[in-house]
Amino acid sequence: MSKSPVVQSVEKANTDYAANFGEKGKLPLPPGRHFTVLTCMDARLDPAKYAGLSGGDAHVIRNAGGRASDDAIRSPVISYKLLGTKEFFVIHHTDCRMVLFNNKIMGDLLSKSLEQAVVDENGWRDVGQEPGSPEGAKIDWLTFTDDRQDVIDDVKKIRNHPLIPKSIPVYGYLHDVKTGKLEEIKEAAEIGKAA
């Protein structure tokens, strides 16, 4: 079986990367700048660039929407408790596609088919022929309608989590996908400040 063009390009890029890996294999396990970033998986975001990171600087946790889900909070807890991070950043972004659907839409789409859905001027619709599953209706997809409020909500969730020490500041920012600028969300900064 031949490999897809995507697999071939990833393997080629890795060969080139490994050939110039150099001293990166000697980086220490703890993040050198002692902070963790929770951000969205959106392919337009480059946390290394917008936060000025180099290899080994910080832990970066990514998921759909950059949400402070229980699983996402697990990582900063490990980062702090076992690897010495001292600050947490929640960085969401403008034009996030998580605002385009909700739990009902996602559950309905998955119940009809597991194939890819499409969106047009009439909203989301399923074009797949394969059977779906009702399991999607059991998941909280953590969608939202207001990106700034979403940053505030996630900073608040992390700040109030029983496994996050009050001594760790939790910062909240919104990345503008049109300009690349980070905007501090003032209410999130107030909620997330260290005690």
N, C-alpha and C. Protein backbone atom coordinates (compact mmCIF):
# COMPACT_ATOMS: atom_id res chain seq x y z
N MET A 1 0.84 -1.18 0.00
CA MET A 1 0.00 0.00 0.00
C MET A 1 0.89 1.25 0.00
N SER A 2 0.64 2.16 -0.92
CA SER A 2 1.46 3.36 -1.00
C SER A 2 1.01 4.38 0.04
N LYS A 3 1.95 5.21 0.45
CA LYS A 3 1.66 6.23 1.46
C LYS A 3 1.06 7.45 0.79
N SER A 4 0.16 8.10 1.52
CA SER A 4 -0.48 9.31 1.00
C SER A 4 0.57 10.41 0.84
N PRO A 5 0.28 11.41 -0.01
CA PRO A 5 1.21 12.54 -0.15
C PRO A 5 1.47 13.26 1.18
N VAL A 6 0.46 13.32 2.04
CA VAL A 6 0.65 13.97 3.34
C VAL A 6 1.65 13.19 4.18
N VAL A 7 1.50 11.86 4.25
CA VAL A 7 2.44 11.03 5.01
C VAL A 7 3.84 11.18 4.44
N GLN A 8 3.95 11.15 3.14
CA GLN A 8 5.27 11.30 2.52
C GLN A 8 5.92 12.63 2.86
N SER A 9 5.13 13.71 2.85
CA SER A 9 5.70 15.03 3.15
C SER A 9 6.11 15.14 4.62
N VAL A 10 5.31 14.54 5.52
CA VAL A 10 5.66 14.56 6.95
C VAL A 10 6.95 13.76 7.17
N GLU A 11 7.05 12.60 6.57
CA GLU A 11 8.25 11.78 6.75
C GLU A 11 9.48 12.47 6.17
N LYS A 12 9.35 13.14 5.04
CA LYS A 12 10.47 13.89 4.45
C LYS A 12 10.87 15.04 5.36
N ALA A 13 9.89 15.78 5.86
CA ALA A 13 10.19 16.90 6.76
C ALA A 13 10.89 16.39 8.01
N ASN A 14 10.46 15.24 8.53
CA ASN A 14 11.09 14.70 9.72
C ASN A 14 12.53 14.27 9.44
N THR A 15 12.78 13.70 8.29
CA THR A 15 14.15 13.32 7.92
C THR A 15 15.05 14.56 7.92
N ASP A 16 14.56 15.65 7.33
CA ASP A 16 15.33 16.90 7.29
C ASP A 16 15.53 17.45 8.71
N TYR A 17 14.47 17.41 9.51
CA TYR A 17 14.54 17.91 10.89
C TYR A 17 15.55 17.10 11.70
N ALA A 18 15.48 15.78 11.62
CA ALA A 18 16.38 14.92 12.38
C ALA A 18 17.83 15.12 11.97
N ALA A 19 18.06 15.40 10.68
CA ALA A 19 19.43 15.61 10.20
C ALA A 19 20.08 16.84 10.81
N ASN A 20 19.25 17.80 11.24
CA ASN A 20 19.75 19.04 11.84
C ASN A 20 19.35 19.18 13.30
N PHE A 21 19.06 18.07 13.95
CA PHE A 21 18.55 18.10 15.32
C PHE A 21 19.56 18.68 16.31
N GLY A 22 20.81 18.41 16.11
CA GLY A 22 21.87 19.01 16.92
C GLY A 22 21.72 18.79 18.41
N GLU A 23 21.81 19.86 19.16
CA GLU A 23 21.82 19.83 20.62
C GLU A 23 20.43 19.73 21.25
N LYS A 24 19.37 19.72 20.44
CA LYS A 24 18.02 19.66 20.99
C LYS A 24 17.79 18.41 21.85
N GLY A 25 18.51 17.34 21.55
CA GLY A 25 18.39 16.12 22.33
C GLY A 25 18.89 16.26 23.76
N LYS A 26 19.56 17.37 24.04
CA LYS A 26 20.10 17.61 25.39
C LYS A 26 19.24 18.58 26.20
N LEU A 27 18.12 19.02 25.64
CA LEU A 27 17.25 19.94 26.38
C LEU A 27 16.74 19.25 27.63
N PRO A 28 16.65 19.98 28.75
CA PRO A 28 16.11 19.37 29.97
C PRO A 28 14.61 19.15 29.85
N LEU A 29 14.09 18.23 30.62
CA LEU A 29 12.66 17.91 30.60
C LEU A 29 11.80 19.08 31.08
N PRO A 30 12.11 19.74 32.20
CA PRO A 30 11.26 20.87 32.63
C PRO A 30 11.34 22.01 31.63
N PRO A 31 10.25 22.76 31.45
CA PRO A 31 10.27 23.89 30.52
C PRO A 31 11.18 25.01 31.03
N GLY A 32 12.08 25.45 30.20
CA GLY A 32 13.09 26.43 30.60
C GLY A 32 12.56 27.77 31.06
N ARG A 33 11.41 28.20 30.51
CA ARG A 33 10.84 29.50 30.91
C ARG A 33 9.73 29.33 31.95
N HIS A 34 9.50 28.13 32.38
CA HIS A 34 8.62 27.82 33.52
C HIS A 34 7.18 28.29 33.37
N PHE A 35 6.63 28.16 32.16
CA PHE A 35 5.20 28.46 32.02
C PHE A 35 4.53 27.48 31.07
N THR A 36 3.19 27.46 31.16
CA THR A 36 2.36 26.59 30.36
C THR A 36 1.35 27.44 29.60
N VAL A 37 1.09 27.06 28.35
CA VAL A 37 0.11 27.75 27.52
C VAL A 37 -0.99 26.76 27.16
N LEU A 38 -2.24 27.16 27.39
CA LEU A 38 -3.39 26.41 26.91
C LEU A 38 -3.98 27.22 25.77
N THR A 39 -4.03 26.62 24.57
CA THR A 39 -4.50 27.35 23.40
C THR A 39 -5.25 26.42 22.46
N CYS A 40 -5.78 26.99 21.41
CA CYS A 40 -6.60 26.25 20.46
C CYS A 40 -5.74 25.45 19.47
N MET A 41 -6.34 24.41 18.92
CA MET A 41 -5.66 23.58 17.93
C MET A 41 -5.68 24.21 16.54
N ASP A 42 -6.35 25.34 16.37
CA ASP A 42 -6.48 26.00 15.06
C ASP A 42 -5.12 26.07 14.36
N ALA A 43 -5.07 25.60 13.13
CA ALA A 43 -3.82 25.54 12.38
C ALA A 43 -3.23 26.91 12.07
N ARG A 44 -4.03 27.97 12.19
CA ARG A 44 -3.50 29.31 11.93
C ARG A 44 -2.66 29.83 13.09
N LEU A 45 -2.75 29.19 14.25
CA LEU A 45 -2.02 29.65 15.43
C LEU A 45 -0.65 29.01 15.50
N ASP A 46 0.35 29.81 15.83
CA ASP A 46 1.71 29.31 16.03
C ASP A 46 2.20 29.82 17.37
N PRO A 47 1.91 29.06 18.45
CA PRO A 47 2.31 29.53 19.78
C PRO A 47 3.80 29.84 19.91
N ALA A 48 4.63 29.10 19.20
CA ALA A 48 6.07 29.37 19.27
C ALA A 48 6.36 30.79 18.79
N LYS A 49 5.66 31.23 17.78
CA LYS A 49 5.91 32.57 17.25
C LYS A 49 5.19 33.65 18.05
N TYR A 50 3.90 33.45 18.35
CA TYR A 50 3.21 34.55 19.03
C TYR A 50 3.63 34.70 20.48
N ALA A 51 4.25 33.68 21.07
CA ALA A 51 4.73 33.78 22.45
C ALA A 51 6.25 33.78 22.53
N GLY A 52 6.92 33.82 21.39
CA GLY A 52 8.38 33.89 21.38
C GLY A 52 9.06 32.67 21.97
N LEU A 53 8.58 31.49 21.64
CA LEU A 53 9.10 30.27 22.23
C LEU A 53 10.13 29.59 21.35
N SER A 54 11.09 28.99 22.00
CA SER A 54 12.05 28.09 21.35
C SER A 54 11.84 26.72 21.96
N GLY A 55 12.43 25.70 21.34
CA GLY A 55 12.33 24.35 21.88
C GLY A 55 12.76 24.30 23.33
N GLY A 56 11.95 23.66 24.17
CA GLY A 56 12.27 23.51 25.58
C GLY A 56 11.82 24.65 26.47
N ASP A 57 11.20 25.71 25.91
CA ASP A 57 10.82 26.88 26.71
C ASP A 57 9.59 26.68 27.58
N ALA A 58 8.54 26.08 27.02
CA ALA A 58 7.25 26.05 27.71
C ALA A 58 6.47 24.80 27.32
N HIS A 59 5.49 24.47 28.14
CA HIS A 59 4.54 23.42 27.77
C HIS A 59 3.38 24.08 27.04
N VAL A 60 2.99 23.50 25.91
CA VAL A 60 1.87 24.03 25.13
C VAL A 60 0.83 22.93 25.02
N ILE A 61 -0.37 23.21 25.53
CA ILE A 61 -1.49 22.27 25.49
C ILE A 61 -2.49 22.82 24.48
N ARG A 62 -2.88 22.00 23.53
CA ARG A 62 -3.80 22.46 22.49
C ARG A 62 -5.00 21.53 22.41
N ASN A 63 -6.17 22.14 22.24
CA ASN A 63 -7.39 21.39 21.97
C ASN A 63 -8.35 22.29 21.22
N ALA A 64 -9.47 21.75 20.80
CA ALA A 64 -10.46 22.54 20.07
C ALA A 64 -10.99 23.66 20.96
N GLY A 65 -10.74 24.89 20.57
CA GLY A 65 -11.18 26.05 21.34
C GLY A 65 -10.21 26.47 22.43
N GLY A 66 -9.18 25.69 22.71
CA GLY A 66 -8.26 26.02 23.80
C GLY A 66 -8.94 25.98 25.15
N ARG A 67 -9.92 25.10 25.28
CA ARG A 67 -10.79 25.06 26.45
C ARG A 67 -10.14 24.39 27.66
N ALA A 68 -10.49 24.90 28.83
CA ALA A 68 -10.01 24.36 30.10
C ALA A 68 -10.88 23.18 30.52
N SER A 69 -10.85 22.15 29.71
CA SER A 69 -11.57 20.92 30.04
C SER A 69 -10.83 20.21 31.17
N ASP A 70 -11.48 19.23 31.78
CA ASP A 70 -10.81 18.48 32.85
C ASP A 70 -9.52 17.86 32.33
N ASP A 71 -9.53 17.35 31.11
CA ASP A 71 -8.31 16.75 30.58
C ASP A 71 -7.24 17.80 30.32
N ALA A 72 -7.64 18.98 29.84
CA ALA A 72 -6.66 20.04 29.59
C ALA A 72 -6.05 20.53 30.90
N ILE A 73 -6.83 20.59 31.98
CA ILE A 73 -6.31 21.04 33.28
C ILE A 73 -5.34 20.02 33.86
N ARG A 74 -5.52 18.77 33.52
CA ARG A 74 -4.62 17.72 33.98
C ARG A 74 -3.17 18.05 33.61
N SER A 75 -2.93 18.58 32.44
CA SER A 75 -1.58 18.86 31.97
C SER A 75 -0.89 19.99 32.75
N PRO A 76 -1.53 21.16 32.97
CA PRO A 76 -0.86 22.17 33.79
C PRO A 76 -0.60 21.71 35.23
N VAL A 77 -1.49 20.87 35.76
CA VAL A 77 -1.26 20.34 37.11
C VAL A 77 0.03 19.52 37.12
N ILE A 78 0.20 18.64 36.14
CA ILE A 78 1.44 17.86 36.04
C ILE A 78 2.62 18.78 35.80
N SER A 79 2.44 19.78 34.93
CA SER A 79 3.51 20.72 34.60
C SER A 79 4.00 21.46 35.84
N TYR A 80 3.07 21.88 36.68
CA TYR A 80 3.43 22.57 37.91
C TYR A 80 4.00 21.60 38.95
N LYS A 81 3.25 20.58 39.25
CA LYS A 81 3.58 19.69 40.37
C LYS A 81 4.89 18.93 40.15
N LEU A 82 5.11 18.46 38.93
CA LEU A 82 6.26 17.60 38.68
C LEU A 82 7.38 18.27 37.87
N LEU A 83 7.06 19.38 37.17
CA LEU A 83 8.06 19.94 36.27
C LEU A 83 8.35 21.43 36.49
N GLY A 84 7.80 22.00 37.55
CA GLY A 84 8.22 23.32 38.00
C GLY A 84 7.70 24.54 37.28
N THR A 85 6.61 24.45 36.51
CA THR A 85 6.10 25.67 35.91
C THR A 85 5.52 26.57 36.99
N LYS A 86 5.56 27.87 36.72
CA LYS A 86 5.16 28.85 37.73
C LYS A 86 4.06 29.80 37.26
N GLU A 87 3.71 29.74 35.96
CA GLU A 87 2.69 30.63 35.41
C GLU A 87 1.92 29.89 34.33
N PHE A 88 0.62 30.21 34.21
CA PHE A 88 -0.24 29.60 33.19
C PHE A 88 -0.84 30.69 32.31
N PHE A 89 -0.90 30.42 31.02
CA PHE A 89 -1.53 31.31 30.06
C PHE A 89 -2.69 30.57 29.39
N VAL A 90 -3.84 31.25 29.28
CA VAL A 90 -4.96 30.79 28.47
C VAL A 90 -4.99 31.75 27.29
N ILE A 91 -4.77 31.22 26.08
CA ILE A 91 -4.74 32.07 24.89
C ILE A 91 -5.71 31.52 23.86
N HIS A 92 -6.85 32.21 23.74
CA HIS A 92 -7.83 31.85 22.73
C HIS A 92 -7.64 32.79 21.54
N HIS A 93 -8.52 32.74 20.55
CA HIS A 93 -8.30 33.57 19.37
C HIS A 93 -9.60 34.03 18.74
N THR A 94 -9.47 35.05 17.92
CA THR A 94 -10.61 35.56 17.17
C THR A 94 -10.95 34.58 16.05
N ASP A 95 -12.14 34.69 15.51
CA ASP A 95 -12.58 33.88 14.38
C ASP A 95 -12.47 32.38 14.65
N CYS A 96 -12.77 31.98 15.88
CA CYS A 96 -12.71 30.56 16.23
C CYS A 96 -13.96 29.86 15.72
N ARG A 97 -13.77 28.74 15.09
CA ARG A 97 -14.89 28.00 14.51
C ARG A 97 -15.77 27.32 15.56
N MET A 98 -15.34 27.31 16.81
CA MET A 98 -16.15 26.72 17.88
C MET A 98 -17.46 27.48 18.09
N VAL A 99 -17.53 28.72 17.59
CA VAL A 99 -18.77 29.49 17.72
C VAL A 99 -19.80 29.12 16.66
N LEU A 100 -19.41 28.29 15.69
CA LEU A 100 -20.30 27.97 14.58
C LEU A 100 -21.21 26.77 14.82
N PHE A 101 -21.07 26.13 15.98
CA PHE A 101 -21.94 24.99 16.27
C PHE A 101 -22.15 24.91 17.77
N ASN A 102 -23.02 24.01 18.17
CA ASN A 102 -23.27 23.78 19.59
C ASN A 102 -23.42 22.27 19.81
N ASN A 103 -23.67 21.88 21.05
CA ASN A 103 -23.77 20.45 21.36
C ASN A 103 -24.85 19.75 20.55
N LYS A 104 -25.99 20.41 20.38
CA LYS A 104 -27.09 19.78 19.63
C LYS A 104 -26.71 19.57 18.17
N ILE A 105 -26.14 20.59 17.54
CA ILE A 105 -25.74 20.46 16.14
C ILE A 105 -24.74 19.32 15.97
N MET A 106 -23.72 19.29 16.84
CA MET A 106 -22.69 18.26 16.72
C MET A 106 -23.28 16.87 16.95
N GLY A 107 -24.11 16.74 17.98
CA GLY A 107 -24.74 15.45 18.26
C GLY A 107 -25.62 14.98 17.10
N ASP A 108 -26.40 15.91 16.53
CA ASP A 108 -27.26 15.56 15.39
C ASP A 108 -26.44 15.13 14.17
N LEU A 109 -25.38 15.87 13.87
CA LEU A 109 -24.54 15.53 12.73
C LEU A 109 -23.91 14.15 12.89
N LEU A 110 -23.39 13.87 14.07
CA LEU A 110 -22.75 12.57 14.31
C LEU A 110 -23.76 11.43 14.32
N SER A 111 -24.99 11.71 14.72
CA SER A 111 -26.00 10.65 14.74
C SER A 111 -26.38 10.23 13.32
N LYS A 112 -26.21 11.14 12.37
CA LYS A 112 -26.57 10.83 10.98
C LYS A 112 -25.44 10.11 10.24
N SER A 113 -24.20 10.55 10.48
CA SER A 113 -23.05 9.97 9.78
C SER A 113 -21.77 10.36 10.50
N LEU A 114 -20.76 9.50 10.43
CA LEU A 114 -19.45 9.83 10.99
C LEU A 114 -18.54 10.48 9.95
N GLU A 115 -19.04 10.60 8.71
CA GLU A 115 -18.27 11.26 7.66
C GLU A 115 -18.30 12.77 7.86
N GLN A 116 -17.43 13.47 7.14
CA GLN A 116 -17.29 14.90 7.29
C GLN A 116 -18.57 15.63 6.88
N ALA A 117 -18.96 16.63 7.66
CA ALA A 117 -20.12 17.47 7.36
C ALA A 117 -19.66 18.73 6.63
N VAL A 118 -20.60 19.46 6.07
CA VAL A 118 -20.29 20.72 5.38
C VAL A 118 -21.16 21.83 5.97
N VAL A 119 -20.69 23.04 5.82
CA VAL A 119 -21.45 24.21 6.26
C VAL A 119 -21.61 25.15 5.08
N ASP A 120 -22.80 25.73 4.95
CA ASP A 120 -23.05 26.71 3.90
C ASP A 120 -23.97 27.79 4.47
N GLU A 121 -24.57 28.58 3.61
CA GLU A 121 -25.42 29.68 4.09
C GLU A 121 -26.62 29.19 4.89
N ASN A 122 -26.97 27.93 4.77
CA ASN A 122 -28.09 27.35 5.52
C ASN A 122 -27.65 26.65 6.80
N GLY A 123 -26.37 26.68 7.10
CA GLY A 123 -25.87 26.03 8.31
C GLY A 123 -25.20 24.71 8.01
N TRP A 124 -24.99 23.92 9.05
CA TRP A 124 -24.32 22.62 8.92
C TRP A 124 -25.28 21.58 8.36
N ARG A 125 -24.73 20.71 7.53
CA ARG A 125 -25.51 19.57 7.06
C ARG A 125 -24.58 18.40 6.83
N ASP A 126 -25.15 17.23 6.99
CA ASP A 126 -24.39 16.01 6.81
C ASP A 126 -24.59 15.52 5.39
N VAL A 127 -23.49 15.16 4.74
CA VAL A 127 -23.56 14.65 3.37
C VAL A 127 -23.08 13.20 3.30
N GLY A 128 -22.75 12.64 4.44
CA GLY A 128 -22.21 11.28 4.49
C GLY A 128 -23.26 10.21 4.28
N GLN A 129 -22.80 9.07 3.83
CA GLN A 129 -23.66 7.93 3.59
C GLN A 129 -23.49 6.85 4.65
N GLU A 130 -22.39 6.90 5.37
CA GLU A 130 -22.10 5.88 6.39
C GLU A 130 -23.02 6.08 7.60
N PRO A 131 -23.22 5.05 8.39
CA PRO A 131 -24.06 5.22 9.59
C PRO A 131 -23.38 6.11 10.62
N GLY A 132 -24.19 6.74 11.42
CA GLY A 132 -23.69 7.58 12.49
C GLY A 132 -23.74 6.88 13.83
N SER A 133 -23.64 7.67 14.90
CA SER A 133 -23.67 7.13 16.25
C SER A 133 -24.33 8.13 17.18
N PRO A 134 -25.16 7.67 18.11
CA PRO A 134 -25.78 8.57 19.08
C PRO A 134 -24.81 9.03 20.17
N GLU A 135 -23.60 8.48 20.20
CA GLU A 135 -22.63 8.80 21.26
C GLU A 135 -22.25 10.27 21.29
N GLY A 136 -22.30 10.96 20.15
CA GLY A 136 -21.94 12.37 20.10
C GLY A 136 -22.83 13.24 20.95
N ALA A 137 -24.06 12.82 21.17
CA ALA A 137 -25.00 13.59 22.00
C ALA A 137 -24.64 13.53 23.47
N LYS A 138 -23.77 12.62 23.86
CA LYS A 138 -23.39 12.47 25.27
C LYS A 138 -22.19 13.33 25.65
N ILE A 139 -21.58 14.00 24.68
CA ILE A 139 -20.35 14.76 24.91
C ILE A 139 -20.66 16.25 25.00
N ASP A 140 -20.04 16.92 25.96
CA ASP A 140 -20.07 18.38 26.00
C ASP A 140 -18.93 18.85 25.11
N TRP A 141 -19.23 19.44 23.97
CA TRP A 141 -18.23 19.84 22.99
C TRP A 141 -17.56 21.16 23.36
N LEU A 142 -17.97 21.77 24.46
CA LEU A 142 -17.36 22.99 25.00
C LEU A 142 -17.35 24.14 23.99
N THR A 143 -18.45 24.28 23.27
CA THR A 143 -18.58 25.39 22.33
C THR A 143 -18.87 26.66 23.11
N PHE A 144 -18.84 27.79 22.43
CA PHE A 144 -19.10 29.08 23.08
C PHE A 144 -19.61 30.06 22.05
N THR A 145 -20.05 31.22 22.51
CA THR A 145 -20.57 32.23 21.59
C THR A 145 -19.82 33.55 21.67
N ASP A 146 -18.98 33.73 22.69
CA ASP A 146 -18.27 35.00 22.91
C ASP A 146 -16.82 34.68 23.26
N ASP A 147 -15.88 35.01 22.36
CA ASP A 147 -14.49 34.61 22.58
C ASP A 147 -13.85 35.27 23.80
N ARG A 148 -14.17 36.52 24.09
CA ARG A 148 -13.62 37.17 25.28
C ARG A 148 -14.16 36.53 26.57
N GLN A 149 -15.46 36.31 26.59
CA GLN A 149 -16.06 35.69 27.77
C GLN A 149 -15.52 34.27 27.95
N ASP A 150 -15.24 33.61 26.87
CA ASP A 150 -14.69 32.26 26.92
C ASP A 150 -13.32 32.26 27.61
N VAL A 151 -12.48 33.25 27.32
CA VAL A 151 -11.19 33.37 28.00
C VAL A 151 -11.42 33.56 29.50
N ILE A 152 -12.33 34.45 29.84
CA ILE A 152 -12.65 34.71 31.26
C ILE A 152 -13.13 33.44 31.94
N ASP A 153 -14.04 32.73 31.29
CA ASP A 153 -14.59 31.51 31.88
C ASP A 153 -13.51 30.46 32.11
N ASP A 154 -12.60 30.31 31.15
CA ASP A 154 -11.56 29.29 31.30
C ASP A 154 -10.52 29.68 32.34
N VAL A 155 -10.16 30.97 32.41
CA VAL A 155 -9.25 31.42 33.46
C VAL A 155 -9.89 31.18 34.82
N LYS A 156 -11.17 31.50 34.94
CA LYS A 156 -11.90 31.29 36.19
C LYS A 156 -11.93 29.81 36.57
N LYS A 157 -12.16 28.94 35.59
CA LYS A 157 -12.20 27.51 35.88
C LYS A 157 -10.85 27.01 36.39
N ILE A 158 -9.77 27.47 35.74
CA ILE A 158 -8.44 27.06 36.20
C ILE A 158 -8.15 27.66 37.57
N ARG A 159 -8.42 28.94 37.75
CA ARG A 159 -8.15 29.62 39.02
C ARG A 159 -8.87 28.93 40.18
N ASN A 160 -10.09 28.47 39.94
CA ASN A 160 -10.89 27.87 41.01
C ASN A 160 -10.75 26.36 41.12
N HIS A 161 -9.90 25.77 40.29
CA HIS A 161 -9.73 24.32 40.33
C HIS A 161 -9.01 23.93 41.63
N PRO A 162 -9.47 22.91 42.32
CA PRO A 162 -8.88 22.55 43.61
C PRO A 162 -7.43 22.05 43.52
N LEU A 163 -6.95 21.72 42.35
CA LEU A 163 -5.58 21.23 42.22
C LEU A 163 -4.60 22.30 41.71
N ILE A 164 -5.09 23.52 41.51
CA ILE A 164 -4.23 24.62 41.06
C ILE A 164 -3.94 25.53 42.24
N PRO A 165 -2.68 25.65 42.64
CA PRO A 165 -2.35 26.53 43.77
C PRO A 165 -2.69 27.99 43.46
N LYS A 166 -3.15 28.70 44.46
CA LYS A 166 -3.51 30.12 44.30
C LYS A 166 -2.28 30.98 44.03
N SER A 167 -1.08 30.44 44.29
CA SER A 167 0.15 31.20 44.07
C SER A 167 0.54 31.27 42.59
N ILE A 168 -0.11 30.50 41.75
CA ILE A 168 0.20 30.50 40.32
C ILE A 168 -0.71 31.49 39.60
N PRO A 169 -0.13 32.50 38.94
CA PRO A 169 -0.99 33.40 38.17
C PRO A 169 -1.48 32.71 36.90
N VAL A 170 -2.72 33.02 36.52
CA VAL A 170 -3.33 32.49 35.31
C VAL A 170 -3.71 33.70 34.45
N TYR A 171 -3.05 33.86 33.33
CA TYR A 171 -3.27 35.00 32.46
C TYR A 171 -4.24 34.62 31.34
N GLY A 172 -5.00 35.60 30.87
CA GLY A 172 -5.94 35.35 29.78
C GLY A 172 -5.74 36.32 28.63
N TYR A 173 -5.55 35.77 27.44
CA TYR A 173 -5.31 36.58 26.24
C TYR A 173 -6.18 36.10 25.09
N LEU A 174 -6.38 37.02 24.14
CA LEU A 174 -7.06 36.71 22.89
C LEU A 174 -6.10 37.04 21.76
N HIS A 175 -5.81 36.04 20.93
CA HIS A 175 -4.92 36.22 19.78
C HIS A 175 -5.76 36.63 18.58
N ASP A 176 -5.39 37.73 17.94
CA ASP A 176 -6.11 38.20 16.76
C ASP A 176 -5.51 37.51 15.53
N VAL A 177 -6.30 36.67 14.87
CA VAL A 177 -5.78 35.91 13.73
C VAL A 177 -5.56 36.78 12.50
N LYS A 178 -6.03 38.01 12.50
CA LYS A 178 -5.82 38.92 11.37
C LYS A 178 -4.54 39.75 11.53
N THR A 179 -4.17 40.05 12.79
CA THR A 179 -3.00 40.90 13.03
C THR A 179 -1.85 40.17 13.74
N GLY A 180 -2.15 39.05 14.40
CA GLY A 180 -1.14 38.33 15.16
C GLY A 180 -0.94 38.86 16.58
N LYS A 181 -1.64 39.93 16.94
CA LYS A 181 -1.45 40.55 18.26
C LYS A 181 -2.18 39.78 19.35
N LEU A 182 -1.58 39.78 20.53
CA LEU A 182 -2.22 39.25 21.73
C LEU A 182 -2.84 40.40 22.49
N GLU A 183 -4.10 40.24 22.86
CA GLU A 183 -4.80 41.24 23.67
C GLU A 183 -5.05 40.63 25.05
N GLU A 184 -4.55 41.30 26.08
CA GLU A 184 -4.83 40.82 27.43
C GLU A 184 -6.29 41.11 27.75
N ILE A 185 -6.98 40.12 28.28
CA ILE A 185 -8.36 40.30 28.71
C ILE A 185 -8.32 40.70 30.17
N LYS A 186 -8.61 41.96 30.43
CA LYS A 186 -8.41 42.55 31.76
C LYS A 186 -9.18 41.81 32.86
N GLU A 187 -10.43 41.45 32.61
CA GLU A 187 -11.21 40.75 33.63
C GLU A 187 -10.60 39.40 33.94
N ALA A 188 -10.08 38.73 32.92
CA ALA A 188 -9.41 37.44 33.15
C ALA A 188 -8.15 37.64 33.98
N ALA A 189 -7.39 38.71 33.69
CA ALA A 189 -6.17 38.99 34.46
C ALA A 189 -6.50 39.21 35.93
N GLU A 190 -7.59 39.90 36.20
CA GLU A 190 -7.98 40.14 37.59
C GLU A 190 -8.38 38.85 38.29
N ILE A 191 -9.14 38.02 37.60
CA ILE A 191 -9.57 36.74 38.16
C ILE A 191 -8.38 35.81 38.39
N GLY A 192 -7.42 35.83 37.45
CA GLY A 192 -6.32 34.88 37.48
C GLY A 192 -5.11 35.29 38.29
N LYS A 193 -5.13 36.49 38.88
CA LYS A 193 -3.93 36.92 39.59
C LYS A 193 -3.63 36.01 40.77
N ALA A 194 -2.35 35.93 41.06
CA ALA A 194 -1.90 35.07 42.16
C ALA A 194 -2.28 35.68 43.50
N ALA A 195 -2.54 34.81 44.45
CA ALA A 195 -2.90 35.28 45.80
C ALA A 195 -1.68 35.24 46.69
